[in-house]
N, C-alpha and C. Protein backbone atom coordinates (compact mmCIF):
# COMPACT_ATOMS: atom_id res chain seq x y z
N MET A 1 13.55 3.24 6.33
CA MET A 1 12.66 2.82 7.39
C MET A 1 11.25 3.32 7.11
N TRP A 2 10.24 2.48 7.36
CA TRP A 2 8.86 2.87 7.14
C TRP A 2 8.35 3.65 8.33
N CYS A 3 7.70 4.77 8.06
CA CYS A 3 6.99 5.52 9.09
C CYS A 3 5.89 6.32 8.40
N SER A 4 4.92 6.79 9.16
CA SER A 4 3.76 7.46 8.56
C SER A 4 4.14 8.75 7.83
N GLU A 5 5.28 9.35 8.15
CA GLU A 5 5.71 10.58 7.49
C GLU A 5 6.51 10.31 6.22
N ASN A 6 6.79 9.05 5.94
CA ASN A 6 7.60 8.68 4.77
C ASN A 6 6.90 9.10 3.48
N LYS A 7 7.58 9.83 2.61
CA LYS A 7 6.96 10.30 1.38
C LYS A 7 6.70 9.17 0.39
N PHE A 8 7.29 8.00 0.59
CA PHE A 8 7.07 6.86 -0.30
C PHE A 8 6.03 5.89 0.25
N ARG A 9 5.39 6.27 1.34
CA ARG A 9 4.38 5.45 2.00
C ARG A 9 3.38 4.89 1.01
N PRO A 10 3.00 3.67 1.01
CA PRO A 10 3.28 2.64 2.01
C PRO A 10 4.59 1.90 1.78
N PHE A 11 5.41 2.37 0.84
CA PHE A 11 6.69 1.73 0.57
C PHE A 11 7.77 2.33 1.46
N CYS A 12 8.83 1.57 1.68
CA CYS A 12 9.91 2.05 2.55
C CYS A 12 10.83 3.01 1.82
N CYS A 13 10.90 2.91 0.48
CA CYS A 13 11.82 3.76 -0.27
C CYS A 13 11.38 3.85 -1.74
N LYS A 14 12.03 4.72 -2.48
CA LYS A 14 11.72 4.91 -3.90
C LYS A 14 11.94 3.61 -4.68
N ARG A 15 12.98 2.88 -4.35
CA ARG A 15 13.28 1.62 -5.05
C ARG A 15 12.11 0.64 -4.96
N CYS A 16 11.58 0.45 -3.76
CA CYS A 16 10.46 -0.48 -3.57
C CYS A 16 9.21 0.03 -4.29
N GLN A 17 9.03 1.34 -4.28
CA GLN A 17 7.90 1.94 -4.98
C GLN A 17 8.00 1.65 -6.49
N LEU A 18 9.19 1.80 -7.06
CA LEU A 18 9.39 1.56 -8.49
C LEU A 18 9.27 0.08 -8.85
N ILE A 19 9.73 -0.79 -7.97
CA ILE A 19 9.58 -2.23 -8.20
C ILE A 19 8.10 -2.57 -8.29
N ASP A 20 7.30 -2.06 -7.37
CA ASP A 20 5.87 -2.33 -7.37
C ASP A 20 5.21 -1.75 -8.62
N LEU A 21 5.58 -0.54 -9.00
CA LEU A 21 5.04 0.08 -10.21
C LEU A 21 5.35 -0.78 -11.43
N GLY A 22 6.56 -1.32 -11.50
CA GLY A 22 6.94 -2.19 -12.60
C GLY A 22 6.10 -3.46 -12.65
N GLU A 23 5.79 -4.01 -11.47
CA GLU A 23 4.94 -5.20 -11.41
C GLU A 23 3.54 -4.91 -11.96
N TRP A 24 3.00 -3.74 -11.60
CA TRP A 24 1.68 -3.35 -12.13
C TRP A 24 1.77 -3.12 -13.64
N ALA A 25 2.82 -2.45 -14.10
CA ALA A 25 2.98 -2.15 -15.52
C ALA A 25 3.08 -3.42 -16.36
N GLU A 26 3.70 -4.45 -15.80
CA GLU A 26 3.83 -5.73 -16.51
C GLU A 26 2.61 -6.62 -16.29
N GLU A 27 1.60 -6.07 -15.62
CA GLU A 27 0.34 -6.77 -15.32
C GLU A 27 0.54 -8.03 -14.48
N ASN A 28 1.57 -8.01 -13.62
CA ASN A 28 1.76 -9.10 -12.67
C ASN A 28 0.85 -8.94 -11.45
N HIS A 29 0.36 -7.72 -11.22
CA HIS A 29 -0.61 -7.43 -10.17
C HIS A 29 -1.90 -6.97 -10.84
N LYS A 30 -3.02 -7.43 -10.33
CA LYS A 30 -4.32 -7.02 -10.87
C LYS A 30 -5.31 -6.90 -9.73
N ILE A 31 -6.25 -5.99 -9.86
CA ILE A 31 -7.34 -5.89 -8.90
C ILE A 31 -8.37 -6.92 -9.33
N SER A 32 -8.68 -7.85 -8.44
CA SER A 32 -9.48 -9.01 -8.81
C SER A 32 -10.97 -8.73 -8.97
N GLN A 33 -11.47 -7.70 -8.30
CA GLN A 33 -12.89 -7.39 -8.41
C GLN A 33 -13.11 -5.91 -8.21
N PRO A 34 -14.21 -5.38 -8.74
CA PRO A 34 -14.46 -3.94 -8.58
C PRO A 34 -14.74 -3.58 -7.13
N MET A 35 -14.54 -2.31 -6.80
CA MET A 35 -14.85 -1.84 -5.45
C MET A 35 -16.33 -2.02 -5.19
N GLN A 36 -16.67 -2.37 -3.96
CA GLN A 36 -18.06 -2.65 -3.61
C GLN A 36 -18.85 -1.40 -3.26
N SER A 37 -18.19 -0.30 -3.01
CA SER A 37 -18.87 0.91 -2.57
C SER A 37 -18.71 2.03 -3.59
N ASN A 38 -19.74 2.82 -3.74
CA ASN A 38 -19.67 3.99 -4.61
C ASN A 38 -19.17 5.22 -3.86
N GLU A 39 -18.97 5.07 -2.55
CA GLU A 39 -18.50 6.17 -1.71
C GLU A 39 -17.03 6.45 -1.99
N PRO A 40 -16.69 7.70 -2.29
CA PRO A 40 -15.27 8.02 -2.56
C PRO A 40 -14.42 7.83 -1.30
N LEU A 41 -13.19 7.38 -1.51
CA LEU A 41 -12.26 7.19 -0.39
C LEU A 41 -11.74 8.52 0.10
N ASN A 42 -11.59 8.65 1.42
CA ASN A 42 -10.96 9.84 2.00
C ASN A 42 -9.71 9.40 2.75
N GLU A 43 -8.96 10.36 3.29
CA GLU A 43 -7.70 10.05 3.98
C GLU A 43 -7.90 9.10 5.16
N GLU A 44 -8.98 9.29 5.92
CA GLU A 44 -9.23 8.42 7.08
C GLU A 44 -9.47 6.98 6.64
N MET A 45 -10.23 6.82 5.55
CA MET A 45 -10.49 5.47 5.04
C MET A 45 -9.21 4.83 4.53
N LEU A 46 -8.38 5.61 3.83
CA LEU A 46 -7.11 5.08 3.32
C LEU A 46 -6.18 4.69 4.46
N ASP A 47 -6.13 5.52 5.51
CA ASP A 47 -5.30 5.20 6.68
C ASP A 47 -5.77 3.90 7.33
N ALA A 48 -7.10 3.72 7.44
CA ALA A 48 -7.64 2.50 8.05
C ALA A 48 -7.30 1.28 7.19
N LEU A 49 -7.43 1.41 5.88
CA LEU A 49 -7.08 0.30 4.98
C LEU A 49 -5.59 -0.02 5.07
N GLU A 50 -4.76 1.02 5.15
CA GLU A 50 -3.32 0.82 5.25
C GLU A 50 -2.98 0.10 6.56
N GLU A 51 -3.60 0.51 7.65
CA GLU A 51 -3.35 -0.12 8.95
C GLU A 51 -3.77 -1.59 8.92
N GLN A 52 -4.93 -1.88 8.32
CA GLN A 52 -5.40 -3.26 8.21
C GLN A 52 -4.43 -4.08 7.37
N PHE A 53 -3.95 -3.52 6.27
CA PHE A 53 -3.00 -4.21 5.42
C PHE A 53 -1.72 -4.53 6.18
N LEU A 54 -1.20 -3.54 6.92
CA LEU A 54 0.05 -3.74 7.65
C LEU A 54 -0.10 -4.79 8.75
N GLN A 55 -1.27 -4.87 9.36
CA GLN A 55 -1.49 -5.88 10.40
C GLN A 55 -1.43 -7.28 9.82
N HIS A 56 -1.83 -7.44 8.56
CA HIS A 56 -1.85 -8.75 7.93
C HIS A 56 -0.60 -9.04 7.11
N ASN A 57 0.26 -8.06 6.97
CA ASN A 57 1.47 -8.21 6.16
C ASN A 57 2.66 -7.65 6.93
N LYS A 58 3.07 -8.35 7.96
CA LYS A 58 4.10 -7.87 8.88
C LYS A 58 5.45 -7.61 8.22
N PHE A 59 5.71 -8.17 7.05
CA PHE A 59 7.01 -7.96 6.40
C PHE A 59 7.21 -6.51 5.95
N PHE A 60 6.15 -5.69 5.95
CA PHE A 60 6.28 -4.28 5.59
C PHE A 60 6.69 -3.42 6.79
N VAL A 61 6.69 -4.00 7.98
CA VAL A 61 6.98 -3.25 9.21
C VAL A 61 8.35 -3.65 9.73
N ASP A 62 9.14 -2.65 10.13
CA ASP A 62 10.45 -2.94 10.71
C ASP A 62 10.31 -3.75 11.98
N SER A 63 11.19 -4.73 12.16
CA SER A 63 11.18 -5.51 13.39
C SER A 63 11.71 -4.65 14.54
N GLU A 64 11.21 -4.92 15.72
CA GLU A 64 11.61 -4.11 16.90
C GLU A 64 12.79 -4.70 17.60
């Protein structure tokens, strides 16, 4: 189950984390453009990005 305390966050489990890593390693995922800001990311910024991602990708959230 996904929750903010999950050590595999933003993944639900180690298996999903490894599947995603494999996709990156095989170059099936790519970052399409460079970051627009020179400001380093902090935990608050990462949390906000994660929340925005989850709002647009409901399949990562357990159904109620």
